[in-house]
């Protein structure tokens, strides 16, 4: 029975994956993300294989939900960048430069205590009180970490912008 399930899943994948990935590509405007979404939709279908009556519909609904999650994540990242006060530095970057890539890399390069505070406060949109609870730190310490992170970003982005002039 497992082999018939495998065979049916392989046929469905061969028939639908290119169209699903193409549809996702039009929605997210990125090949890698489109393939991740389409693959995840198939993985979720596989987990519910016996319970899904209409696999094609399930795949497209699941992919649409994953795309919506992706859009929300991108929106949170844009809001986080704005809230961190880096717009002026980003505006000074070379025209056409991808603004979120340097900030994302800078956030990743921060010391862990700053990075964690930034990710929870700016990217996950949690209040300082919740960040303090999750990190087992005082609210004042979290505020100080967020301030230090903003200064870190301003200094790093200002330095990068000065080098591009």
C-alpha atoms as a PDB file:
ATOM      1  CA  UNK A   1       0.000   0.000   0.000  1.00  0.00           C
ATOM      2  CA  UNK A   2       2.837   2.349   0.799  1.00  0.00           C
ATOM      3  CA  UNK A   3       4.281   1.919  -2.684  1.00  0.00           C
ATOM      4  CA  UNK A   4       0.947   2.853  -4.320  1.00  0.00           C
ATOM      5  CA  UNK A   5       0.861   5.936  -2.078  1.00  0.00           C
ATOM      6  CA  UNK A   6       4.409   6.793  -3.094  1.00  0.00           C
ATOM      7  CA  UNK A   7       3.622   6.263  -6.770  1.00  0.00           C
ATOM      8  CA  UNK A   8       0.467   8.406  -6.601  1.00  0.00           C
ATOM      9  CA  UNK A   9       2.317  11.164  -4.745  1.00  0.00           C
ATOM     10  CA  UNK A  10       5.170  11.099  -7.270  1.00  0.00           C
ATOM     11  CA  UNK A  11       2.717  11.380 -10.179  1.00  0.00           C
ATOM     12  CA  UNK A  12       0.869  14.232  -8.514  1.00  0.00           C
ATOM     13  CA  UNK A  13       4.159  15.989  -7.804  1.00  0.00           C
ATOM     14  CA  UNK A  14       5.304  15.618 -11.421  1.00  0.00           C
ATOM     15  CA  UNK A  15       1.953  16.884 -12.711  1.00  0.00           C
ATOM     16  CA  UNK A  16       1.379  19.820 -10.346  1.00  0.00           C
ATOM     17  CA  UNK A  17       4.697  21.033  -8.961  1.00  0.00           C
ATOM     18  CA  UNK A  18       5.782  23.127 -11.982  1.00  0.00           C
ATOM     19  CA  UNK A  19       2.424  24.948 -12.117  1.00  0.00           C
ATOM     20  CA  UNK A  20       2.261  25.443  -8.354  1.00  0.00           C
ATOM     21  CA  UNK A  21       5.833  26.737  -8.162  1.00  0.00           C
ATOM     22  CA  UNK A  22       5.181  29.063 -11.111  1.00  0.00           C
ATOM     23  CA  UNK A  23       2.036  30.404  -9.474  1.00  0.00           C
ATOM     24  CA  UNK A  24       3.942  30.991  -6.230  1.00  0.00           C
ATOM     25  CA  UNK A  25       6.736  32.703  -8.181  1.00  0.00           C
ATOM     26  CA  UNK A  26       4.285  35.247  -9.544  1.00  0.00           C
ATOM     27  CA  UNK A  27       3.055  35.952  -6.015  1.00  0.00           C
ATOM     28  CA  UNK A  28       6.384  36.250  -4.183  1.00  0.00           C
ATOM     29  CA  UNK A  29       8.624  37.446  -7.045  1.00  0.00           C
ATOM     30  CA  UNK A  30      11.480  35.179  -5.950  1.00  0.00           C
ATOM     31  CA  UNK A  31      12.388  31.749  -7.329  1.00  0.00           C
ATOM     32  CA  UNK A  32      13.863  30.378  -4.117  1.00  0.00           C
ATOM     33  CA  UNK A  33      10.911  31.404  -1.976  1.00  0.00           C
ATOM     34  CA  UNK A  34       8.466  30.100  -4.574  1.00  0.00           C
ATOM     35  CA  UNK A  35      10.111  26.676  -4.545  1.00  0.00           C
ATOM     36  CA  UNK A  36      10.195  26.647  -0.730  1.00  0.00           C
ATOM     37  CA  UNK A  37       6.469  27.417  -0.595  1.00  0.00           C
ATOM     38  CA  UNK A  38       5.561  24.831  -3.225  1.00  0.00           C
ATOM     39  CA  UNK A  39       7.723  22.183  -1.556  1.00  0.00           C
ATOM     40  CA  UNK A  40       6.257  22.917   1.862  1.00  0.00           C
ATOM     41  CA  UNK A  41       2.727  22.647   0.434  1.00  0.00           C
ATOM     42  CA  UNK A  42       3.560  19.194  -0.945  1.00  0.00           C
ATOM     43  CA  UNK A  43       5.148  18.168   2.350  1.00  0.00           C
ATOM     44  CA  UNK A  44       1.986  19.150   4.211  1.00  0.00           C
ATOM     45  CA  UNK A  45      -0.133  17.260   1.703  1.00  0.00           C
ATOM     46  CA  UNK A  46       2.035  14.174   2.198  1.00  0.00           C
ATOM     47  CA  UNK A  47       1.415  14.318   5.957  1.00  0.00           C
ATOM     48  CA  UNK A  48      -2.361  14.324   5.369  1.00  0.00           C
ATOM     49  CA  UNK A  49      -2.365  12.112   2.270  1.00  0.00           C
ATOM     50  CA  UNK A  50      -5.216   9.799   3.266  1.00  0.00           C
ATOM     51  CA  UNK A  51      -7.433  12.559   4.641  1.00  0.00           C
ATOM     52  CA  UNK A  52      -7.328  14.994   1.695  1.00  0.00           C
ATOM     53  CA  UNK A  53     -10.081  14.509  -0.871  1.00  0.00           C
ATOM     54  CA  UNK A  54      -8.909  17.150  -3.360  1.00  0.00           C
ATOM     55  CA  UNK A  55      -5.079  17.286  -3.410  1.00  0.00           C
ATOM     56  CA  UNK A  56      -4.845  20.072  -6.002  1.00  0.00           C
ATOM     57  CA  UNK A  57      -7.134  22.363  -4.030  1.00  0.00           C
ATOM     58  CA  UNK A  58      -5.324  21.511  -0.809  1.00  0.00           C
ATOM     59  CA  UNK A  59      -1.971  22.382  -2.407  1.00  0.00           C
ATOM     60  CA  UNK A  60      -3.123  25.752  -3.715  1.00  0.00           C
ATOM     61  CA  UNK A  61      -4.880  26.742  -0.490  1.00  0.00           C
ATOM     62  CA  UNK A  62      -1.846  25.689   1.546  1.00  0.00           C
ATOM     63  CA  UNK A  63       0.508  27.551  -0.794  1.00  0.00           C
ATOM     64  CA  UNK A  64      -1.685  30.664  -0.612  1.00  0.00           C
ATOM     65  CA  UNK A  65      -1.534  30.544   3.189  1.00  0.00           C
ATOM     66  CA  UNK A  66       2.249  30.117   3.100  1.00  0.00           C
ATOM     67  CA  UNK A  67       2.588  33.038   0.678  1.00  0.00           C
ATOM     68  CA  UNK A  68       0.452  35.174   2.986  1.00  0.00           C
ATOM     69  CA  UNK A  69       2.738  34.196   5.884  1.00  0.00           C
ATOM     70  CA  UNK A  70       5.739  35.203   3.755  1.00  0.00           C
ATOM     71  CA  UNK A  71       4.166  38.583   2.979  1.00  0.00           C
ATOM     72  CA  UNK A  72       3.474  39.151   6.675  1.00  0.00           C
ATOM     73  CA  UNK A  73       7.069  38.319   7.519  1.00  0.00           C
ATOM     74  CA  UNK A  74       8.347  40.732   4.879  1.00  0.00           C
ATOM     75  CA  UNK A  75       6.001  43.431   6.185  1.00  0.00           C
ATOM     76  CA  UNK A  76       7.247  42.855   9.757  1.00  0.00           C
ATOM     77  CA  UNK A  77      10.827  43.180   8.516  1.00  0.00           C
ATOM     78  CA  UNK A  78      10.047  46.459   6.734  1.00  0.00           C
ATOM     79  CA  UNK A  79       8.319  47.823   9.853  1.00  0.00           C
ATOM     80  CA  UNK A  80      11.233  46.691  11.995  1.00  0.00           C
ATOM     81  CA  UNK A  81      13.707  48.493   9.788  1.00  0.00           C
ATOM     82  CA  UNK A  82      11.634  51.679   9.967  1.00  0.00           C
ATOM     83  CA  UNK A  83      11.152  51.372  13.714  1.00  0.00           C
ATOM     84  CA  UNK A  84      14.862  50.889  14.231  1.00  0.00           C
ATOM     85  CA  UNK A  85      15.400  54.366  12.803  1.00  0.00           C
ATOM     86  CA  UNK A  86      17.530  53.350   9.862  1.00  0.00           C
ATOM     87  CA  UNK A  87      15.518  54.941   7.076  1.00  0.00           C
ATOM     88  CA  UNK A  88      17.824  57.928   6.701  1.00  0.00           C
ATOM     89  CA  UNK A  89      20.882  55.726   6.390  1.00  0.00           C
ATOM     90  CA  UNK A  90      19.119  53.398   3.984  1.00  0.00           C
ATOM     91  CA  UNK A  91      18.048  56.326   1.819  1.00  0.00           C
ATOM     92  CA  UNK A  92      21.707  57.325   1.439  1.00  0.00           C
ATOM     93  CA  UNK A  93      22.617  53.941  -0.008  1.00  0.00           C
ATOM     94  CA  UNK A  94      23.340  53.683  -3.687  1.00  0.00           C
ATOM     95  CA  UNK A  95      20.198  53.812  -5.845  1.00  0.00           C
ATOM     96  CA  UNK A  96      18.791  50.378  -6.537  1.00  0.00           C
ATOM     97  CA  UNK A  97      20.627  48.726  -3.648  1.00  0.00           C
ATOM     98  CA  UNK A  98      18.627  46.134  -1.744  1.00  0.00           C
ATOM     99  CA  UNK A  99      18.020  47.863   1.578  1.00  0.00           C
ATOM    100  CA  UNK A 100      16.923  44.889   3.680  1.00  0.00           C
ATOM    101  CA  UNK A 101      19.981  42.758   2.952  1.00  0.00           C
ATOM    102  CA  UNK A 102      22.569  44.950   4.738  1.00  0.00           C
ATOM    103  CA  UNK A 103      20.273  45.477   7.730  1.00  0.00           C
ATOM    104  CA  UNK A 104      19.505  41.766   7.952  1.00  0.00           C
ATOM    105  CA  UNK A 105      23.204  40.946   7.834  1.00  0.00           C
ATOM    106  CA  UNK A 106      23.967  43.593  10.437  1.00  0.00           C
ATOM    107  CA  UNK A 107      21.283  42.230  12.749  1.00  0.00           C
ATOM    108  CA  UNK A 108      22.758  38.754  12.328  1.00  0.00           C
ATOM    109  CA  UNK A 109      26.210  40.099  13.196  1.00  0.00           C
ATOM    110  CA  UNK A 110      25.078  41.753  16.447  1.00  0.00           C
ATOM    111  CA  UNK A 111      26.000  40.263  19.807  1.00  0.00           C
ATOM    112  CA  UNK A 112      23.367  37.717  20.835  1.00  0.00           C
ATOM    113  CA  UNK A 113      21.785  39.845  23.576  1.00  0.00           C
ATOM    114  CA  UNK A 114      21.219  42.727  21.115  1.00  0.00           C
ATOM    115  CA  UNK A 115      20.145  40.460  18.260  1.00  0.00           C
ATOM    116  CA  UNK A 116      17.602  38.646  20.424  1.00  0.00           C
ATOM    117  CA  UNK A 117      16.084  41.911  21.656  1.00  0.00           C
ATOM    118  CA  UNK A 118      15.908  43.303  18.104  1.00  0.00           C
ATOM    119  CA  UNK A 119      14.327  40.168  16.661  1.00  0.00           C
ATOM    120  CA  UNK A 120      11.705  39.904  19.393  1.00  0.00           C
ATOM    121  CA  UNK A 121      10.869  43.612  19.613  1.00  0.00           C
ATOM    122  CA  UNK A 122      11.161  44.818  16.024  1.00  0.00           C
ATOM    123  CA  UNK A 123      10.624  41.704  13.944  1.00  0.00           C
ATOM    124  CA  UNK A 124       8.179  39.747  16.120  1.00  0.00           C
ATOM    125  CA  UNK A 125       6.500  42.997  17.241  1.00  0.00           C
ATOM    126  CA  UNK A 126       6.501  42.060  20.936  1.00  0.00           C
ATOM    127  CA  UNK A 127       6.299  44.752  23.625  1.00  0.00           C
ATOM    128  CA  UNK A 128       9.336  45.375  25.830  1.00  0.00           C
ATOM    129  CA  UNK A 129       7.562  43.690  28.757  1.00  0.00           C
ATOM    130  CA  UNK A 130       7.220  40.427  26.787  1.00  0.00           C
ATOM    131  CA  UNK A 131      10.791  40.602  25.502  1.00  0.00           C
ATOM    132  CA  UNK A 132      11.975  41.006  29.087  1.00  0.00           C
ATOM    133  CA  UNK A 133       9.923  38.021  30.213  1.00  0.00           C
ATOM    134  CA  UNK A 134      11.122  35.794  27.374  1.00  0.00           C
ATOM    135  CA  UNK A 135      14.775  36.720  27.807  1.00  0.00           C
ATOM    136  CA  UNK A 136      14.599  36.730  31.630  1.00  0.00           C
ATOM    137  CA  UNK A 137      15.959  40.273  31.732  1.00  0.00           C
ATOM    138  CA  UNK A 138      14.658  43.486  33.265  1.00  0.00           C
ATOM    139  CA  UNK A 139      12.634  45.841  31.065  1.00  0.00           C
ATOM    140  CA  UNK A 140      15.243  48.572  31.539  1.00  0.00           C
ATOM    141  CA  UNK A 141      17.960  46.208  30.349  1.00  0.00           C
ATOM    142  CA  UNK A 142      15.912  45.322  27.262  1.00  0.00           C
ATOM    143  CA  UNK A 143      15.396  49.034  26.514  1.00  0.00           C
ATOM    144  CA  UNK A 144      19.143  49.607  26.882  1.00  0.00           C
ATOM    145  CA  UNK A 145      19.852  46.678  24.545  1.00  0.00           C
ATOM    146  CA  UNK A 146      17.417  48.070  21.965  1.00  0.00           C
ATOM    147  CA  UNK A 147      19.057  51.494  22.218  1.00  0.00           C
ATOM    148  CA  UNK A 148      22.511  49.919  21.784  1.00  0.00           C
ATOM    149  CA  UNK A 149      21.226  47.937  18.786  1.00  0.00           C
ATOM    150  CA  UNK A 150      19.862  51.091  17.123  1.00  0.00           C
ATOM    151  CA  UNK A 151      23.174  52.856  17.681  1.00  0.00           C
ATOM    152  CA  UNK A 152      25.001  49.828  16.273  1.00  0.00           C
ATOM    153  CA  UNK A 153      22.822  49.920  13.141  1.00  0.00           C
ATOM    154  CA  UNK A 154      23.120  53.687  12.707  1.00  0.00           C
ATOM    155  CA  UNK A 155      26.893  53.573  13.014  1.00  0.00           C
ATOM    156  CA  UNK A 156      27.291  50.591  10.701  1.00  0.00           C
ATOM    157  CA  UNK A 157      24.890  51.895   8.061  1.00  0.00           C
ATOM    158  CA  UNK A 158      26.324  55.386   8.218  1.00  0.00           C
ATOM    159  CA  UNK A 159      29.800  53.952   7.752  1.00  0.00           C
ATOM    160  CA  UNK A 160      28.662  51.878   4.780  1.00  0.00           C
ATOM    161  CA  UNK A 161      26.913  54.857   3.221  1.00  0.00           C
ATOM    162  CA  UNK A 162      29.975  57.044   3.606  1.00  0.00           C
ATOM    163  CA  UNK A 163      32.043  54.469   1.721  1.00  0.00           C
ATOM    164  CA  UNK A 164      29.608  54.427  -1.214  1.00  0.00           C
ATOM    165  CA  UNK A 165      29.862  58.152  -1.932  1.00  0.00           C
END
